[in-house]
Structure formats: C-alpha cells, structure tokens
N, C-alpha and C. Protein backbone atom coordinates (compact mmCIF):
# COMPACT_ATOMS: atom_id res chain seq x y z
N MET A 1 68.93 -72.71 -47.39
CA MET A 1 69.46 -74.03 -47.12
C MET A 1 68.37 -74.98 -46.67
N GLU A 2 67.42 -74.48 -45.91
CA GLU A 2 66.38 -75.35 -45.39
C GLU A 2 65.04 -75.04 -46.07
N VAL A 3 65.07 -74.73 -47.32
CA VAL A 3 63.88 -74.35 -48.05
C VAL A 3 63.22 -75.61 -48.60
N SER A 4 61.89 -75.62 -48.60
CA SER A 4 61.20 -76.79 -49.14
C SER A 4 61.35 -76.83 -50.66
N ILE A 5 61.38 -78.03 -51.19
CA ILE A 5 61.53 -78.24 -52.62
C ILE A 5 60.40 -77.57 -53.39
N SER A 6 59.18 -77.69 -52.90
CA SER A 6 58.04 -77.10 -53.60
C SER A 6 58.13 -75.58 -53.63
N ARG A 7 58.65 -74.98 -52.56
CA ARG A 7 58.80 -73.52 -52.54
C ARG A 7 59.85 -73.08 -53.55
N VAL A 8 60.96 -73.81 -53.63
CA VAL A 8 62.00 -73.48 -54.59
C VAL A 8 61.44 -73.56 -56.01
N LYS A 9 60.70 -74.62 -56.31
CA LYS A 9 60.10 -74.77 -57.64
C LYS A 9 59.19 -73.60 -57.96
N ALA A 10 58.39 -73.20 -56.99
CA ALA A 10 57.46 -72.09 -57.21
C ALA A 10 58.21 -70.78 -57.44
N LEU A 11 59.27 -70.55 -56.70
CA LEU A 11 60.02 -69.30 -56.84
C LEU A 11 60.79 -69.23 -58.15
N LEU A 12 61.37 -70.35 -58.58
CA LEU A 12 62.16 -70.35 -59.81
C LEU A 12 61.28 -70.30 -61.05
N GLY A 13 60.15 -70.93 -61.00
CA GLY A 13 59.25 -70.94 -62.15
C GLY A 13 59.58 -72.04 -63.14
N ALA A 14 58.99 -71.92 -64.33
CA ALA A 14 59.13 -72.96 -65.36
C ALA A 14 60.54 -72.97 -65.94
N GLY A 15 60.93 -74.14 -66.44
CA GLY A 15 62.21 -74.28 -67.13
C GLY A 15 63.33 -74.83 -66.27
N TRP A 16 63.14 -74.89 -64.98
CA TRP A 16 64.17 -75.40 -64.07
C TRP A 16 63.92 -76.88 -63.81
N GLU A 17 64.98 -77.67 -63.87
CA GLU A 17 64.89 -79.10 -63.59
C GLU A 17 65.59 -79.41 -62.29
N MET A 18 65.03 -80.34 -61.52
CA MET A 18 65.63 -80.72 -60.25
C MET A 18 66.16 -82.14 -60.31
N TYR A 19 67.29 -82.34 -59.67
CA TYR A 19 67.79 -83.71 -59.46
C TYR A 19 68.39 -83.78 -58.07
N TRP A 20 68.47 -84.99 -57.53
CA TRP A 20 69.07 -85.20 -56.22
C TRP A 20 70.55 -85.42 -56.41
N GLY A 21 71.37 -84.58 -55.81
CA GLY A 21 72.81 -84.72 -55.91
C GLY A 21 73.50 -83.37 -55.95
N GLN A 22 74.82 -83.43 -55.96
CA GLN A 22 75.66 -82.22 -55.94
C GLN A 22 75.48 -81.41 -57.22
N PRO A 23 75.73 -80.10 -57.13
CA PRO A 23 75.60 -79.25 -58.32
C PRO A 23 76.77 -79.46 -59.27
N PRO A 24 76.63 -78.99 -60.50
CA PRO A 24 77.77 -79.08 -61.43
C PRO A 24 78.88 -78.16 -60.96
N ARG A 25 80.09 -78.45 -61.42
CA ARG A 25 81.21 -77.56 -61.10
C ARG A 25 80.97 -76.20 -61.74
N GLY A 26 81.44 -75.17 -61.07
CA GLY A 26 81.26 -73.84 -61.63
C GLY A 26 81.73 -72.76 -60.67
N VAL A 27 81.35 -71.55 -60.97
CA VAL A 27 81.67 -70.38 -60.15
C VAL A 27 80.50 -70.15 -59.21
N TYR A 28 80.78 -69.90 -57.94
CA TYR A 28 79.72 -69.71 -56.97
C TYR A 28 79.36 -68.23 -56.82
N LEU A 29 78.06 -67.98 -56.75
CA LEU A 29 77.55 -66.63 -56.60
C LEU A 29 77.89 -66.05 -55.24
N LEU A 30 77.92 -66.90 -54.23
CA LEU A 30 78.19 -66.47 -52.87
C LEU A 30 79.69 -66.56 -52.58
N LYS A 31 80.22 -65.56 -51.87
CA LYS A 31 81.63 -65.61 -51.46
C LYS A 31 81.82 -66.82 -50.55
N GLU A 32 82.96 -67.48 -50.69
CA GLU A 32 83.19 -68.72 -49.95
C GLU A 32 83.14 -68.53 -48.44
N GLU A 33 83.60 -67.39 -47.93
CA GLU A 33 83.62 -67.20 -46.48
C GLU A 33 82.22 -67.15 -45.87
N TYR A 34 81.20 -66.97 -46.70
CA TYR A 34 79.83 -66.94 -46.19
C TYR A 34 79.08 -68.25 -46.43
N MET A 35 79.78 -69.23 -46.96
CA MET A 35 79.16 -70.53 -47.19
C MET A 35 79.45 -71.45 -46.00
N ALA A 36 78.45 -72.25 -45.62
CA ALA A 36 78.60 -73.16 -44.49
C ALA A 36 79.44 -74.37 -44.89
N ASP A 37 80.14 -74.91 -43.92
CA ASP A 37 80.92 -76.12 -44.13
C ASP A 37 79.95 -77.31 -44.14
N PRO A 38 80.11 -78.27 -45.07
CA PRO A 38 79.21 -79.44 -45.09
C PRO A 38 79.15 -80.18 -43.76
N ALA A 39 80.27 -80.23 -43.03
CA ALA A 39 80.29 -80.94 -41.74
C ALA A 39 79.36 -80.27 -40.74
N ASP A 40 79.28 -78.93 -40.77
CA ASP A 40 78.38 -78.22 -39.85
C ASP A 40 76.92 -78.51 -40.19
N VAL A 41 76.64 -78.66 -41.46
CA VAL A 41 75.27 -78.95 -41.90
C VAL A 41 74.89 -80.38 -41.53
N ASP A 42 75.86 -81.30 -41.62
CA ASP A 42 75.59 -82.70 -41.31
C ASP A 42 75.04 -82.88 -39.90
N GLU A 43 75.48 -82.02 -38.97
CA GLU A 43 75.01 -82.13 -37.59
C GLU A 43 73.51 -81.89 -37.48
N LYS A 44 72.95 -81.15 -38.44
CA LYS A 44 71.53 -80.81 -38.41
C LYS A 44 70.68 -81.74 -39.28
N CYS A 45 71.28 -82.73 -39.88
CA CYS A 45 70.54 -83.59 -40.81
C CYS A 45 69.36 -84.28 -40.15
N GLY A 46 69.47 -84.62 -38.90
CA GLY A 46 68.37 -85.27 -38.21
C GLY A 46 67.15 -84.38 -38.11
N GLU A 47 67.35 -83.06 -38.22
CA GLU A 47 66.24 -82.11 -38.13
C GLU A 47 65.54 -81.96 -39.48
N GLY A 48 66.09 -82.57 -40.52
CA GLY A 48 65.41 -82.61 -41.79
C GLY A 48 65.70 -81.55 -42.82
N PRO A 49 66.80 -80.78 -42.73
CA PRO A 49 67.01 -79.80 -43.80
C PRO A 49 67.45 -80.45 -45.10
N VAL A 50 67.11 -79.82 -46.17
CA VAL A 50 67.58 -80.23 -47.49
C VAL A 50 68.51 -79.14 -47.98
N VAL A 51 69.70 -79.52 -48.42
CA VAL A 51 70.64 -78.55 -48.98
C VAL A 51 70.24 -78.30 -50.42
N VAL A 52 70.03 -77.03 -50.77
CA VAL A 52 69.56 -76.68 -52.10
C VAL A 52 70.62 -75.87 -52.85
N TYR A 53 70.85 -76.25 -54.10
CA TYR A 53 71.70 -75.48 -55.01
C TYR A 53 70.87 -75.10 -56.22
N VAL A 54 71.17 -73.93 -56.77
CA VAL A 54 70.52 -73.48 -58.01
C VAL A 54 71.65 -73.12 -58.97
N ALA A 55 71.64 -73.73 -60.14
CA ALA A 55 72.75 -73.55 -61.09
C ALA A 55 72.23 -73.10 -62.45
N ALA A 56 72.80 -71.99 -62.92
CA ALA A 56 72.57 -71.53 -64.29
C ALA A 56 73.67 -72.16 -65.13
N VAL A 57 73.29 -72.98 -66.09
CA VAL A 57 74.25 -73.76 -66.88
C VAL A 57 74.42 -73.14 -68.26
N PHE A 58 75.68 -72.88 -68.62
CA PHE A 58 76.03 -72.34 -69.93
C PHE A 58 76.94 -73.35 -70.62
N ASP A 59 77.28 -73.10 -71.87
CA ASP A 59 78.15 -74.04 -72.61
C ASP A 59 79.52 -74.18 -71.97
N THR A 60 80.10 -73.06 -71.53
CA THR A 60 81.48 -73.10 -71.03
C THR A 60 81.60 -72.79 -69.55
N LEU A 61 80.51 -72.43 -68.90
CA LEU A 61 80.58 -71.98 -67.51
C LEU A 61 79.26 -72.27 -66.81
N ASN A 62 79.34 -72.59 -65.54
CA ASN A 62 78.15 -72.73 -64.72
C ASN A 62 78.25 -71.73 -63.57
N VAL A 63 77.15 -71.06 -63.27
CA VAL A 63 77.09 -70.17 -62.11
C VAL A 63 76.15 -70.82 -61.12
N VAL A 64 76.66 -71.05 -59.90
CA VAL A 64 75.93 -71.85 -58.91
C VAL A 64 75.68 -71.01 -57.67
N TYR A 65 74.46 -71.11 -57.16
CA TYR A 65 74.15 -70.50 -55.87
C TYR A 65 73.83 -71.61 -54.88
N GLY A 66 74.43 -71.51 -53.72
CA GLY A 66 74.15 -72.44 -52.63
C GLY A 66 74.74 -71.89 -51.35
N ARG A 67 74.15 -72.21 -50.23
CA ARG A 67 74.62 -71.72 -48.94
C ARG A 67 75.67 -72.63 -48.31
N VAL A 68 75.90 -73.81 -48.90
CA VAL A 68 76.85 -74.78 -48.35
C VAL A 68 77.97 -74.98 -49.37
N LYS A 69 79.21 -75.01 -48.86
CA LYS A 69 80.35 -75.26 -49.74
C LYS A 69 80.19 -76.61 -50.41
N PRO A 70 80.64 -76.72 -51.65
CA PRO A 70 80.52 -78.03 -52.31
C PRO A 70 81.36 -79.07 -51.57
N GLY A 71 80.85 -80.25 -51.50
CA GLY A 71 81.55 -81.33 -50.80
C GLY A 71 80.55 -82.39 -50.41
N VAL A 72 81.04 -83.40 -49.74
CA VAL A 72 80.19 -84.51 -49.35
C VAL A 72 79.40 -84.13 -48.11
N ALA A 73 78.09 -84.21 -48.23
CA ALA A 73 77.20 -83.93 -47.11
C ALA A 73 76.27 -85.12 -46.93
N ARG A 74 75.95 -85.44 -45.68
CA ARG A 74 75.04 -86.54 -45.42
C ARG A 74 73.59 -86.13 -45.59
N CYS A 75 73.34 -84.83 -45.57
CA CYS A 75 71.96 -84.35 -45.77
C CYS A 75 71.56 -84.57 -47.22
N PRO A 76 70.27 -84.67 -47.47
CA PRO A 76 69.81 -84.74 -48.87
C PRO A 76 70.19 -83.45 -49.59
N VAL A 77 70.65 -83.57 -50.82
CA VAL A 77 71.07 -82.41 -51.63
C VAL A 77 70.21 -82.38 -52.89
N ALA A 78 69.53 -81.25 -53.09
CA ALA A 78 68.71 -81.06 -54.28
C ALA A 78 69.33 -79.95 -55.12
N THR A 79 69.48 -80.19 -56.40
CA THR A 79 70.05 -79.20 -57.30
C THR A 79 69.05 -78.88 -58.40
N PHE A 80 68.83 -77.58 -58.58
CA PHE A 80 67.96 -77.09 -59.66
C PHE A 80 68.85 -76.49 -60.73
N THR A 81 68.67 -76.90 -61.97
CA THR A 81 69.48 -76.38 -63.06
C THR A 81 68.59 -75.89 -64.20
N ARG A 82 69.15 -74.97 -64.95
CA ARG A 82 68.50 -74.51 -66.18
C ARG A 82 69.58 -74.08 -67.14
N ARG A 83 69.46 -74.52 -68.36
CA ARG A 83 70.43 -74.18 -69.41
C ARG A 83 70.05 -72.83 -70.02
N PHE A 84 71.07 -71.96 -70.15
CA PHE A 84 70.89 -70.64 -70.74
C PHE A 84 71.91 -70.46 -71.86
N PRO A 85 71.55 -69.73 -72.91
CA PRO A 85 72.57 -69.34 -73.89
C PRO A 85 73.43 -68.24 -73.26
N MET A 86 74.68 -68.13 -73.67
CA MET A 86 75.58 -67.13 -73.09
C MET A 86 75.04 -65.71 -73.26
N SER A 87 74.22 -65.49 -74.28
CA SER A 87 73.65 -64.17 -74.50
C SER A 87 72.68 -63.77 -73.39
N ARG A 88 72.24 -64.74 -72.58
CA ARG A 88 71.30 -64.44 -71.49
C ARG A 88 71.95 -64.54 -70.11
N VAL A 89 73.27 -64.38 -70.07
CA VAL A 89 73.98 -64.50 -68.80
C VAL A 89 73.49 -63.47 -67.79
N ARG A 90 73.21 -62.27 -68.24
CA ARG A 90 72.72 -61.21 -67.35
C ARG A 90 71.41 -61.64 -66.68
N HIS A 91 70.48 -62.12 -67.48
CA HIS A 91 69.19 -62.57 -66.96
C HIS A 91 69.36 -63.75 -65.99
N ALA A 92 70.22 -64.69 -66.35
CA ALA A 92 70.42 -65.88 -65.52
C ALA A 92 71.00 -65.53 -64.15
N VAL A 93 72.04 -64.71 -64.15
CA VAL A 93 72.68 -64.35 -62.87
C VAL A 93 71.73 -63.50 -62.04
N LYS A 94 70.98 -62.62 -62.68
CA LYS A 94 70.02 -61.80 -61.93
C LYS A 94 68.97 -62.70 -61.28
N THR A 95 68.56 -63.76 -61.95
CA THR A 95 67.61 -64.71 -61.37
C THR A 95 68.20 -65.35 -60.11
N LEU A 96 69.48 -65.72 -60.18
CA LEU A 96 70.12 -66.32 -59.00
C LEU A 96 70.23 -65.31 -57.86
N VAL A 97 70.57 -64.05 -58.18
CA VAL A 97 70.68 -63.01 -57.15
C VAL A 97 69.32 -62.80 -56.49
N GLU A 98 68.28 -62.66 -57.30
CA GLU A 98 66.94 -62.45 -56.74
C GLU A 98 66.51 -63.63 -55.88
N PHE A 99 66.87 -64.83 -56.28
CA PHE A 99 66.55 -66.01 -55.49
C PHE A 99 67.27 -65.94 -54.14
N ALA A 100 68.56 -65.63 -54.16
CA ALA A 100 69.36 -65.57 -52.93
C ALA A 100 68.83 -64.50 -51.98
N VAL A 101 68.48 -63.35 -52.53
CA VAL A 101 68.02 -62.24 -51.71
C VAL A 101 66.61 -62.49 -51.17
N SER A 102 65.73 -63.08 -51.98
CA SER A 102 64.35 -63.28 -51.53
C SER A 102 64.20 -64.51 -50.63
N VAL A 103 64.89 -65.59 -50.94
CA VAL A 103 64.72 -66.83 -50.16
C VAL A 103 65.57 -66.81 -48.90
N ASP A 104 66.86 -66.55 -49.05
CA ASP A 104 67.77 -66.60 -47.90
C ASP A 104 68.00 -65.25 -47.25
N LYS A 105 67.39 -64.20 -47.81
CA LYS A 105 67.52 -62.84 -47.27
C LYS A 105 68.98 -62.43 -47.14
N LEU A 106 69.78 -62.79 -48.14
CA LEU A 106 71.20 -62.49 -48.10
C LEU A 106 71.47 -61.01 -48.33
N PRO A 107 72.40 -60.44 -47.59
CA PRO A 107 72.84 -59.08 -47.90
C PRO A 107 73.70 -59.12 -49.16
N LEU A 108 73.63 -58.08 -49.95
CA LEU A 108 74.36 -58.06 -51.22
C LEU A 108 75.86 -58.18 -51.05
N PHE A 109 76.41 -57.69 -49.94
CA PHE A 109 77.87 -57.72 -49.78
C PHE A 109 78.43 -59.14 -49.72
N GLN A 110 77.57 -60.14 -49.54
CA GLN A 110 78.04 -61.53 -49.50
C GLN A 110 78.20 -62.13 -50.90
N LEU A 111 77.75 -61.41 -51.92
CA LEU A 111 77.83 -61.92 -53.29
C LEU A 111 79.23 -61.74 -53.86
N ASN A 112 79.62 -62.64 -54.75
CA ASN A 112 80.92 -62.61 -55.40
C ASN A 112 80.92 -61.50 -56.46
N PRO A 113 81.72 -60.44 -56.26
CA PRO A 113 81.69 -59.32 -57.21
C PRO A 113 82.14 -59.72 -58.62
N GLU A 114 83.00 -60.72 -58.74
CA GLU A 114 83.45 -61.14 -60.07
C GLU A 114 82.30 -61.69 -60.90
N VAL A 115 81.38 -62.41 -60.26
CA VAL A 115 80.24 -62.95 -60.97
C VAL A 115 79.31 -61.82 -61.41
N ILE A 116 79.11 -60.85 -60.53
CA ILE A 116 78.24 -59.71 -60.85
C ILE A 116 78.85 -58.89 -62.00
N ARG A 117 80.16 -58.69 -61.96
CA ARG A 117 80.84 -57.96 -63.06
C ARG A 117 80.73 -58.74 -64.37
N PHE A 118 80.98 -60.03 -64.31
CA PHE A 118 80.92 -60.88 -65.49
C PHE A 118 79.55 -60.80 -66.16
N ALA A 119 78.50 -60.74 -65.35
CA ALA A 119 77.14 -60.70 -65.88
C ALA A 119 76.72 -59.29 -66.30
N GLY A 120 77.55 -58.30 -66.03
CA GLY A 120 77.21 -56.93 -66.40
C GLY A 120 76.12 -56.33 -65.52
N LEU A 121 76.10 -56.70 -64.24
CA LEU A 121 75.06 -56.24 -63.33
C LEU A 121 75.54 -55.21 -62.31
N CYS A 122 76.73 -54.64 -62.51
CA CYS A 122 77.26 -53.68 -61.54
C CYS A 122 76.36 -52.45 -61.41
N GLY A 123 75.73 -52.03 -62.50
CA GLY A 123 74.84 -50.88 -62.43
C GLY A 123 73.65 -51.12 -61.53
N GLU A 124 73.19 -52.36 -61.45
CA GLU A 124 72.04 -52.69 -60.61
C GLU A 124 72.45 -53.03 -59.17
N TYR A 125 73.68 -53.48 -59.00
CA TYR A 125 74.16 -53.85 -57.66
C TYR A 125 75.50 -53.17 -57.38
N PRO A 126 75.51 -51.83 -57.30
CA PRO A 126 76.80 -51.13 -57.14
C PRO A 126 77.50 -51.45 -55.82
N LEU A 127 76.73 -51.79 -54.81
CA LEU A 127 77.35 -52.11 -53.52
C LEU A 127 78.23 -53.34 -53.60
N VAL A 128 77.94 -54.22 -54.55
CA VAL A 128 78.73 -55.44 -54.71
C VAL A 128 80.02 -55.14 -55.46
N CYS A 129 79.94 -54.33 -56.51
CA CYS A 129 81.08 -54.12 -57.41
C CYS A 129 82.04 -53.03 -56.95
N GLU A 130 81.51 -51.97 -56.37
CA GLU A 130 82.35 -50.82 -56.04
C GLU A 130 82.74 -50.83 -54.58
N GLU A 131 83.80 -50.10 -54.30
CA GLU A 131 84.23 -49.92 -52.92
C GLU A 131 83.15 -49.13 -52.19
N LEU A 132 82.95 -49.43 -50.92
CA LEU A 132 81.89 -48.81 -50.15
C LEU A 132 82.00 -47.29 -50.14
N HIS A 133 83.22 -46.76 -50.04
CA HIS A 133 83.37 -45.30 -49.97
C HIS A 133 82.90 -44.63 -51.25
N VAL A 134 83.03 -45.31 -52.40
CA VAL A 134 82.55 -44.75 -53.68
C VAL A 134 81.03 -44.70 -53.68
N VAL A 135 80.39 -45.75 -53.18
CA VAL A 135 78.93 -45.79 -53.12
C VAL A 135 78.42 -44.69 -52.19
N ILE A 136 79.05 -44.55 -51.03
CA ILE A 136 78.63 -43.53 -50.07
C ILE A 136 78.81 -42.14 -50.66
N GLN A 137 79.94 -41.89 -51.33
CA GLN A 137 80.17 -40.58 -51.96
C GLN A 137 79.10 -40.27 -52.99
N ARG A 138 78.73 -41.26 -53.78
CA ARG A 138 77.68 -41.07 -54.78
C ARG A 138 76.35 -40.72 -54.11
N LEU A 139 76.04 -41.39 -53.00
CA LEU A 139 74.80 -41.09 -52.28
C LEU A 139 74.82 -39.70 -51.67
N VAL A 140 75.98 -39.27 -51.17
CA VAL A 140 76.11 -37.92 -50.62
C VAL A 140 75.86 -36.90 -51.72
N GLU A 141 76.44 -37.13 -52.91
CA GLU A 141 76.23 -36.21 -54.03
C GLU A 141 74.76 -36.18 -54.44
N ARG A 142 74.13 -37.35 -54.48
CA ARG A 142 72.72 -37.42 -54.85
C ARG A 142 71.86 -36.69 -53.82
N ALA A 143 72.18 -36.87 -52.53
CA ALA A 143 71.43 -36.19 -51.48
C ALA A 143 71.58 -34.68 -51.59
N GLY A 144 72.76 -34.21 -51.98
CA GLY A 144 72.99 -32.78 -52.15
C GLY A 144 72.16 -32.20 -53.28
N ARG A 145 71.83 -33.01 -54.29
CA ARG A 145 71.05 -32.53 -55.44
C ARG A 145 69.55 -32.59 -55.19
N ARG A 146 69.14 -33.34 -54.19
CA ARG A 146 67.70 -33.45 -53.93
C ARG A 146 67.14 -32.13 -53.42
N SER A 147 65.91 -31.88 -53.76
CA SER A 147 65.28 -30.65 -53.28
C SER A 147 64.86 -30.81 -51.83
N GLU A 148 64.62 -29.70 -51.17
CA GLU A 148 64.18 -29.71 -49.78
C GLU A 148 62.82 -30.41 -49.66
N ALA A 149 61.98 -30.27 -50.67
CA ALA A 149 60.66 -30.91 -50.64
C ALA A 149 60.78 -32.43 -50.66
N ALA A 150 61.67 -32.92 -51.50
CA ALA A 150 61.84 -34.37 -51.58
C ALA A 150 62.35 -34.93 -50.27
N ARG A 151 63.24 -34.20 -49.62
CA ARG A 151 63.74 -34.65 -48.31
C ARG A 151 62.63 -34.69 -47.29
N GLY A 152 61.77 -33.66 -47.33
CA GLY A 152 60.66 -33.60 -46.37
C GLY A 152 59.69 -34.75 -46.56
N GLU A 153 59.52 -35.19 -47.79
CA GLU A 153 58.60 -36.30 -48.06
C GLU A 153 59.23 -37.65 -47.79
N GLY A 154 60.54 -37.67 -47.54
CA GLY A 154 61.21 -38.93 -47.23
C GLY A 154 61.54 -39.75 -48.45
N ARG A 155 61.45 -39.15 -49.65
CA ARG A 155 61.81 -39.90 -50.85
C ARG A 155 63.32 -39.81 -51.05
N GLY A 156 63.82 -40.66 -51.89
CA GLY A 156 65.24 -40.65 -52.21
C GLY A 156 65.71 -42.04 -52.51
N GLY A 157 66.94 -42.17 -52.98
CA GLY A 157 67.44 -43.46 -53.42
C GLY A 157 68.31 -44.17 -52.42
N GLY A 158 68.39 -43.68 -51.17
CA GLY A 158 69.30 -44.29 -50.22
C GLY A 158 68.71 -45.41 -49.40
N GLY A 159 67.42 -45.72 -49.57
CA GLY A 159 66.78 -46.74 -48.75
C GLY A 159 67.43 -48.10 -48.87
N TRP A 160 67.81 -48.50 -50.07
CA TRP A 160 68.43 -49.80 -50.26
C TRP A 160 69.77 -49.87 -49.56
N LEU A 161 70.51 -48.72 -49.53
CA LEU A 161 71.81 -48.72 -48.86
C LEU A 161 71.64 -48.89 -47.36
N ILE A 162 70.65 -48.21 -46.80
CA ILE A 162 70.39 -48.36 -45.37
C ILE A 162 70.07 -49.81 -45.05
N ASN A 163 69.24 -50.43 -45.88
CA ASN A 163 68.90 -51.85 -45.65
C ASN A 163 70.15 -52.72 -45.71
N GLU A 164 71.02 -52.46 -46.68
CA GLU A 164 72.24 -53.26 -46.80
C GLU A 164 73.17 -53.03 -45.60
N LEU A 165 73.27 -51.78 -45.13
CA LEU A 165 74.12 -51.50 -43.97
C LEU A 165 73.57 -52.18 -42.73
N VAL A 166 72.25 -52.22 -42.59
CA VAL A 166 71.65 -52.94 -41.46
C VAL A 166 72.00 -54.42 -41.54
N LYS A 167 71.96 -54.99 -42.74
CA LYS A 167 72.34 -56.40 -42.90
C LYS A 167 73.80 -56.63 -42.55
N VAL A 168 74.67 -55.68 -42.96
CA VAL A 168 76.10 -55.80 -42.63
C VAL A 168 76.29 -55.79 -41.13
N LEU A 169 75.65 -54.81 -40.44
CA LEU A 169 75.80 -54.72 -38.99
C LEU A 169 75.21 -55.95 -38.30
N THR A 170 74.10 -56.45 -38.78
CA THR A 170 73.51 -57.65 -38.20
C THR A 170 74.46 -58.83 -38.34
N ASP A 171 75.07 -58.96 -39.52
CA ASP A 171 76.02 -60.03 -39.76
C ASP A 171 77.22 -59.91 -38.81
N LEU A 172 77.72 -58.69 -38.65
CA LEU A 172 78.86 -58.48 -37.74
C LEU A 172 78.48 -58.83 -36.30
N MET A 173 77.28 -58.44 -35.88
CA MET A 173 76.87 -58.71 -34.50
C MET A 173 76.68 -60.21 -34.26
N GLU A 174 76.23 -60.93 -35.30
CA GLU A 174 76.08 -62.38 -35.15
C GLU A 174 77.44 -63.06 -35.04
N ARG A 175 78.43 -62.54 -35.78
CA ARG A 175 79.76 -63.14 -35.75
C ARG A 175 80.55 -62.74 -34.51
N ASP A 176 80.37 -61.48 -34.06
CA ASP A 176 81.13 -60.99 -32.91
C ASP A 176 80.21 -60.14 -32.05
N PRO A 177 79.76 -60.67 -30.90
CA PRO A 177 78.80 -59.96 -30.05
C PRO A 177 79.30 -58.61 -29.54
N SER A 178 80.61 -58.35 -29.58
CA SER A 178 81.11 -57.06 -29.11
C SER A 178 80.61 -55.91 -29.97
N TYR A 179 80.20 -56.19 -31.22
CA TYR A 179 79.66 -55.14 -32.09
C TYR A 179 78.32 -54.61 -31.58
N VAL A 180 77.61 -55.39 -30.77
CA VAL A 180 76.35 -54.92 -30.21
C VAL A 180 76.58 -53.64 -29.41
N GLU A 181 77.65 -53.63 -28.63
CA GLU A 181 77.98 -52.45 -27.83
C GLU A 181 78.33 -51.27 -28.72
N VAL A 182 79.06 -51.50 -29.80
CA VAL A 182 79.41 -50.43 -30.73
C VAL A 182 78.16 -49.82 -31.34
N VAL A 183 77.25 -50.67 -31.81
CA VAL A 183 76.01 -50.19 -32.42
C VAL A 183 75.17 -49.44 -31.39
N ARG A 184 75.11 -49.94 -30.16
CA ARG A 184 74.34 -49.27 -29.11
C ARG A 184 74.87 -47.86 -28.88
N ARG A 185 76.19 -47.71 -28.82
CA ARG A 185 76.78 -46.39 -28.59
C ARG A 185 76.50 -45.42 -29.74
N VAL A 186 76.54 -45.93 -30.97
CA VAL A 186 76.25 -45.08 -32.13
C VAL A 186 74.80 -44.63 -32.11
N VAL A 187 73.88 -45.55 -31.77
CA VAL A 187 72.47 -45.19 -31.72
C VAL A 187 72.20 -44.16 -30.64
N GLU A 188 72.86 -44.32 -29.48
CA GLU A 188 72.66 -43.38 -28.38
C GLU A 188 73.23 -42.00 -28.68
N ASN A 189 74.34 -41.95 -29.42
CA ASN A 189 74.97 -40.66 -29.68
C ASN A 189 75.58 -40.64 -31.08
N PRO A 190 74.74 -40.45 -32.12
CA PRO A 190 75.25 -40.48 -33.50
C PRO A 190 76.24 -39.36 -33.79
N GLU A 191 76.15 -38.24 -33.08
CA GLU A 191 77.08 -37.13 -33.32
C GLU A 191 78.51 -37.53 -32.94
N LYS A 192 78.66 -38.42 -32.00
CA LYS A 192 79.99 -38.90 -31.60
C LYS A 192 80.66 -39.59 -32.79
N LEU A 193 79.89 -40.34 -33.57
CA LEU A 193 80.42 -41.00 -34.75
C LEU A 193 80.86 -39.97 -35.78
N ARG A 194 80.07 -38.92 -35.96
CA ARG A 194 80.41 -37.86 -36.92
C ARG A 194 81.76 -37.23 -36.56
N GLU A 195 82.03 -37.05 -35.26
CA GLU A 195 83.29 -36.45 -34.81
C GLU A 195 84.49 -37.28 -35.28
N CYS A 196 84.31 -38.59 -35.39
CA CYS A 196 85.41 -39.47 -35.78
C CYS A 196 85.82 -39.23 -37.24
N TYR A 197 84.89 -38.75 -38.06
CA TYR A 197 85.15 -38.63 -39.49
C TYR A 197 85.24 -37.19 -39.98
N VAL A 198 85.11 -36.22 -39.10
CA VAL A 198 85.17 -34.81 -39.54
C VAL A 198 86.57 -34.27 -39.37
C-alpha cells in the first residue's frame, strides 16, 4: 500500500502501464476481509502513502490486486495495468501473487481461492485451494516417506507450510492479542497440544 512508484515499476518489469486513478472493475486477488477500508487509509494521507493497484486485464475479465477496497480515497491512487490474452491467465495471476507475496509479504491464506482455481494455480498454491486438514495430511504422508537421512539433514517440503502457519499466527495475534498467550503456552509445552488431538 505504501510502496514507491519506482519500486513497483522495477518489480513488475516491462509491459506494465501506470495511470493515476482507481483500478478497472474486476475480481480481486485478495479476500475482501483482508483489504483496508478507504476511510482508514485516508487518515494516513498526510503521511504520504500512495495506494497502489496492479491489474491484469483480459478481454472479458480483470484480475486486480490491491490492499485497499475499491472506493473513493483521498490518498493518491496509482494503478498499474497490463493486457494479457486469456491463454496467459496462469502467468498473469502468478505475477500478481508473486507481487503480493514479495512486496506486501502477504500470507497465502489471504488470497481469493476462486482466482487461484480459475488460473489453474492450485498445484502451486495448495494452501489456498484446499482445506488445511488436507494439506496437513499430505505433508504427514510425505514426511512418512522421507528417509531417516533426509530428516537428519533437515531437508523436506514442509518449510513453506511452516512459514505460512507463522504468518497465520502472526495475523491472529495482531487481530486478537489473546492469541499471544495461546502461542506462548504451545511453545512452552508442545506435547500439551499433541494431547488435544490424539
């Protein structure tokens, strides 16, 4: 949300055009509950943030990424757009996801699963498309197939899930400080948590 225009241009690369104003109508990559209200952003306008949207434009559909809900904002609004053929929807949406994750450090669970499914990216972002218990079960099965040597070396495919779970817990703690106590208790005695699920 408060990213400099030059940094956005550098991250997106060639082919993206910028204009000052609201993004085109479309489907948002971010779930609405994680988008800021324009009125909340307006309070910070004196501090100089620029509201940034990035939109992949297709003939019949636009996919838009932005941290602020569409609406009237007093802050300057910059929109970056690029036209894609529908055959490149996978590439276009992946570009938006990578932008959201690298610039705003968004956890994947905040992404709209319908957009990820539409683009055919569920294989790359299973945490977004599938229920959490299915992802965890798959990781348990994968861990069971790993050799003892691989475990000793610390290799494996669960690192991204741990990172996403840390982001989920961080988000929960920011929204409700009582989760800090829950996390503290789990860290102090992880076996207690295991008892709840055995």
